[in-house]
């Protein structure tokens, strides 16, 4: 349900985007593409956390991996919440929007990297313990 609500939020945000120059729109689309590519991985994060809690609750490394997954998930939720500020930009000057979107592209790329890294580490841990 949480993922659906966040997806709906991002869709509405995309639809409410003010008319912009093609350059601004292209950068906005690039930011949203990174978001849309990695957002489905929040369900992967939740599944991995459940697996780690259920099967490895006594393992200290598993607890660190759960914390990393939680942090990655929280990074995505925070980014989405903060990105809502984009629609509040009053300036019609493209350079203001471009500056904001360039910063957000860096931020969402960092979130993506954090999520994918946390997922890879958790999977590696589970796979190595399942082989035993």
C-alpha atoms as a PDB file:
ATOM      1  CA  UNK A   1       0.000   0.000   0.000  1.00  0.00           C
ATOM      2  CA  UNK A   2       2.832   2.380   0.899  1.00  0.00           C
ATOM      3  CA  UNK A   3       4.465   1.822  -2.481  1.00  0.00           C
ATOM      4  CA  UNK A   4       1.160   2.475  -4.257  1.00  0.00           C
ATOM      5  CA  UNK A   5       0.614   5.743  -2.386  1.00  0.00           C
ATOM      6  CA  UNK A   6       4.152   6.895  -3.200  1.00  0.00           C
ATOM      7  CA  UNK A   7       3.739   5.907  -6.842  1.00  0.00           C
ATOM      8  CA  UNK A   8       0.492   7.851  -6.965  1.00  0.00           C
ATOM      9  CA  UNK A   9       2.219  10.863  -5.387  1.00  0.00           C
ATOM     10  CA  UNK A  10       4.971  10.799  -8.003  1.00  0.00           C
ATOM     11  CA  UNK A  11       2.479  10.411 -10.828  1.00  0.00           C
ATOM     12  CA  UNK A  12       0.471  13.383  -9.598  1.00  0.00           C
ATOM     13  CA  UNK A  13       3.654  15.380  -9.188  1.00  0.00           C
ATOM     14  CA  UNK A  14       4.635  14.587 -12.755  1.00  0.00           C
ATOM     15  CA  UNK A  15       1.209  15.602 -14.032  1.00  0.00           C
ATOM     16  CA  UNK A  16       1.241  18.847 -12.088  1.00  0.00           C
ATOM     17  CA  UNK A  17       4.609  19.878 -13.505  1.00  0.00           C
ATOM     18  CA  UNK A  18       4.389  23.446 -14.807  1.00  0.00           C
ATOM     19  CA  UNK A  19       4.992  24.122 -18.471  1.00  0.00           C
ATOM     20  CA  UNK A  20       8.725  24.238 -18.897  1.00  0.00           C
ATOM     21  CA  UNK A  21      11.263  24.590 -21.601  1.00  0.00           C
ATOM     22  CA  UNK A  22      12.246  21.393 -23.395  1.00  0.00           C
ATOM     23  CA  UNK A  23      15.578  21.446 -21.540  1.00  0.00           C
ATOM     24  CA  UNK A  24      13.876  21.639 -18.148  1.00  0.00           C
ATOM     25  CA  UNK A  25      11.367  18.968 -19.113  1.00  0.00           C
ATOM     26  CA  UNK A  26      14.133  16.652 -20.350  1.00  0.00           C
ATOM     27  CA  UNK A  27      16.038  17.011 -17.082  1.00  0.00           C
ATOM     28  CA  UNK A  28      12.850  16.494 -15.069  1.00  0.00           C
ATOM     29  CA  UNK A  29      12.151  13.343 -17.101  1.00  0.00           C
ATOM     30  CA  UNK A  30      15.701  12.128 -16.434  1.00  0.00           C
ATOM     31  CA  UNK A  31      15.261  12.601 -12.677  1.00  0.00           C
ATOM     32  CA  UNK A  32      11.947  10.758 -12.757  1.00  0.00           C
ATOM     33  CA  UNK A  33      13.425   7.958 -14.866  1.00  0.00           C
ATOM     34  CA  UNK A  34      16.061   7.255 -12.205  1.00  0.00           C
ATOM     35  CA  UNK A  35      13.345   7.332  -9.556  1.00  0.00           C
ATOM     36  CA  UNK A  36      10.978   5.108 -11.532  1.00  0.00           C
ATOM     37  CA  UNK A  37      13.720   2.565 -12.267  1.00  0.00           C
ATOM     38  CA  UNK A  38      14.648   2.098  -8.611  1.00  0.00           C
ATOM     39  CA  UNK A  39      11.346   2.692  -6.812  1.00  0.00           C
ATOM     40  CA  UNK A  40      10.107  -0.880  -7.381  1.00  0.00           C
ATOM     41  CA  UNK A  41      13.160  -2.076  -5.470  1.00  0.00           C
ATOM     42  CA  UNK A  42      11.530  -0.905  -2.239  1.00  0.00           C
ATOM     43  CA  UNK A  43       9.508  -4.128  -2.331  1.00  0.00           C
ATOM     44  CA  UNK A  44      12.769  -6.058  -2.751  1.00  0.00           C
ATOM     45  CA  UNK A  45      14.119  -4.256   0.302  1.00  0.00           C
ATOM     46  CA  UNK A  46      11.087  -5.254   2.352  1.00  0.00           C
ATOM     47  CA  UNK A  47      11.331  -8.902   1.246  1.00  0.00           C
ATOM     48  CA  UNK A  48      15.034  -9.052   2.067  1.00  0.00           C
ATOM     49  CA  UNK A  49      14.485  -7.514   5.503  1.00  0.00           C
ATOM     50  CA  UNK A  50      11.757 -10.052   6.215  1.00  0.00           C
ATOM     51  CA  UNK A  51      14.027 -12.906   5.129  1.00  0.00           C
ATOM     52  CA  UNK A  52      16.928 -11.646   7.239  1.00  0.00           C
ATOM     53  CA  UNK A  53      14.745 -11.163  10.315  1.00  0.00           C
ATOM     54  CA  UNK A  54      13.116 -14.554   9.953  1.00  0.00           C
ATOM     55  CA  UNK A  55      16.198 -16.637   9.177  1.00  0.00           C
ATOM     56  CA  UNK A  56      19.200 -14.770  10.589  1.00  0.00           C
ATOM     57  CA  UNK A  57      17.914 -12.743  13.556  1.00  0.00           C
ATOM     58  CA  UNK A  58      20.809 -13.848  15.772  1.00  0.00           C
ATOM     59  CA  UNK A  59      23.505 -12.838  13.304  1.00  0.00           C
ATOM     60  CA  UNK A  60      25.061  -9.426  13.946  1.00  0.00           C
ATOM     61  CA  UNK A  61      25.972  -8.958  10.266  1.00  0.00           C
ATOM     62  CA  UNK A  62      22.363  -9.642   9.298  1.00  0.00           C
ATOM     63  CA  UNK A  63      21.285  -6.900  11.697  1.00  0.00           C
ATOM     64  CA  UNK A  64      23.728  -4.479  10.046  1.00  0.00           C
ATOM     65  CA  UNK A  65      22.332  -5.444   6.644  1.00  0.00           C
ATOM     66  CA  UNK A  66      18.787  -4.817   7.880  1.00  0.00           C
ATOM     67  CA  UNK A  67      19.886  -1.385   9.123  1.00  0.00           C
ATOM     68  CA  UNK A  68      21.433  -0.660   5.712  1.00  0.00           C
ATOM     69  CA  UNK A  69      18.233  -1.718   3.953  1.00  0.00           C
ATOM     70  CA  UNK A  70      16.177   0.452   6.325  1.00  0.00           C
ATOM     71  CA  UNK A  71      18.465   3.430   5.669  1.00  0.00           C
ATOM     72  CA  UNK A  72      18.207   2.950   1.901  1.00  0.00           C
ATOM     73  CA  UNK A  73      14.424   2.717   2.080  1.00  0.00           C
ATOM     74  CA  UNK A  74      14.263   5.819   4.258  1.00  0.00           C
ATOM     75  CA  UNK A  75      16.509   7.675   1.796  1.00  0.00           C
ATOM     76  CA  UNK A  76      13.991   7.011  -0.970  1.00  0.00           C
ATOM     77  CA  UNK A  77      11.031   8.055   1.173  1.00  0.00           C
ATOM     78  CA  UNK A  78      12.816  11.261   2.229  1.00  0.00           C
ATOM     79  CA  UNK A  79      13.833  12.076  -1.331  1.00  0.00           C
ATOM     80  CA  UNK A  80      10.268  11.693  -2.576  1.00  0.00           C
ATOM     81  CA  UNK A  81       8.922  13.823   0.234  1.00  0.00           C
ATOM     82  CA  UNK A  82      11.493  16.556  -0.367  1.00  0.00           C
ATOM     83  CA  UNK A  83      11.144  16.432  -4.154  1.00  0.00           C
ATOM     84  CA  UNK A  84       7.584  17.659  -3.694  1.00  0.00           C
ATOM     85  CA  UNK A  85       9.150  21.088  -3.245  1.00  0.00           C
ATOM     86  CA  UNK A  86       9.764  21.193  -6.994  1.00  0.00           C
ATOM     87  CA  UNK A  87       6.165  22.088  -7.734  1.00  0.00           C
ATOM     88  CA  UNK A  88       6.449  25.002  -5.288  1.00  0.00           C
ATOM     89  CA  UNK A  89       9.173  26.741  -7.277  1.00  0.00           C
ATOM     90  CA  UNK A  90       7.572  30.024  -8.281  1.00  0.00           C
ATOM     91  CA  UNK A  91      10.258  31.235 -10.615  1.00  0.00           C
ATOM     92  CA  UNK A  92       9.566  31.029 -14.314  1.00  0.00           C
ATOM     93  CA  UNK A  93      13.280  31.343 -14.956  1.00  0.00           C
ATOM     94  CA  UNK A  94      14.551  28.060 -16.347  1.00  0.00           C
ATOM     95  CA  UNK A  95      17.950  28.353 -14.685  1.00  0.00           C
ATOM     96  CA  UNK A  96      16.295  28.075 -11.237  1.00  0.00           C
ATOM     97  CA  UNK A  97      14.497  24.902 -12.250  1.00  0.00           C
ATOM     98  CA  UNK A  98      17.596  23.510 -13.961  1.00  0.00           C
ATOM     99  CA  UNK A  99      19.736  24.122 -10.869  1.00  0.00           C
ATOM    100  CA  UNK A 100      17.152  22.417  -8.675  1.00  0.00           C
ATOM    101  CA  UNK A 101      16.761  19.446 -11.022  1.00  0.00           C
ATOM    102  CA  UNK A 102      20.513  18.993 -11.468  1.00  0.00           C
ATOM    103  CA  UNK A 103      20.837  18.767  -7.696  1.00  0.00           C
ATOM    104  CA  UNK A 104      17.923  16.332  -7.518  1.00  0.00           C
ATOM    105  CA  UNK A 105      19.443  14.148 -10.239  1.00  0.00           C
ATOM    106  CA  UNK A 106      22.546  13.793  -8.087  1.00  0.00           C
ATOM    107  CA  UNK A 107      20.467  13.094  -4.980  1.00  0.00           C
ATOM    108  CA  UNK A 108      18.218  10.456  -6.565  1.00  0.00           C
ATOM    109  CA  UNK A 109      21.245   8.822  -8.195  1.00  0.00           C
ATOM    110  CA  UNK A 110      22.825   8.572  -4.746  1.00  0.00           C
ATOM    111  CA  UNK A 111      19.601   7.057  -3.386  1.00  0.00           C
ATOM    112  CA  UNK A 112      19.602   4.548  -6.244  1.00  0.00           C
ATOM    113  CA  UNK A 113      23.192   3.587  -5.526  1.00  0.00           C
ATOM    114  CA  UNK A 114      22.493   3.225  -1.802  1.00  0.00           C
ATOM    115  CA  UNK A 115      19.452   1.033  -2.449  1.00  0.00           C
ATOM    116  CA  UNK A 116      21.145  -1.203  -4.998  1.00  0.00           C
ATOM    117  CA  UNK A 117      24.217  -1.597  -2.804  1.00  0.00           C
ATOM    118  CA  UNK A 118      22.166  -2.534   0.268  1.00  0.00           C
ATOM    119  CA  UNK A 119      20.175  -5.036  -1.799  1.00  0.00           C
ATOM    120  CA  UNK A 120      23.305  -6.601  -3.306  1.00  0.00           C
ATOM    121  CA  UNK A 121      24.961  -6.957   0.100  1.00  0.00           C
ATOM    122  CA  UNK A 122      21.867  -8.572   1.620  1.00  0.00           C
ATOM    123  CA  UNK A 123      21.484 -10.975  -1.306  1.00  0.00           C
ATOM    124  CA  UNK A 124      25.156 -11.925  -1.116  1.00  0.00           C
ATOM    125  CA  UNK A 125      24.816 -12.652   2.601  1.00  0.00           C
ATOM    126  CA  UNK A 126      21.679 -14.761   2.115  1.00  0.00           C
ATOM    127  CA  UNK A 127      23.159 -16.669  -0.824  1.00  0.00           C
ATOM    128  CA  UNK A 128      26.369 -17.416   1.081  1.00  0.00           C
ATOM    129  CA  UNK A 129      24.412 -18.712   4.085  1.00  0.00           C
ATOM    130  CA  UNK A 130      21.967 -20.718   1.982  1.00  0.00           C
ATOM    131  CA  UNK A 131      24.909 -22.527   0.407  1.00  0.00           C
ATOM    132  CA  UNK A 132      25.971 -23.839   3.825  1.00  0.00           C
END
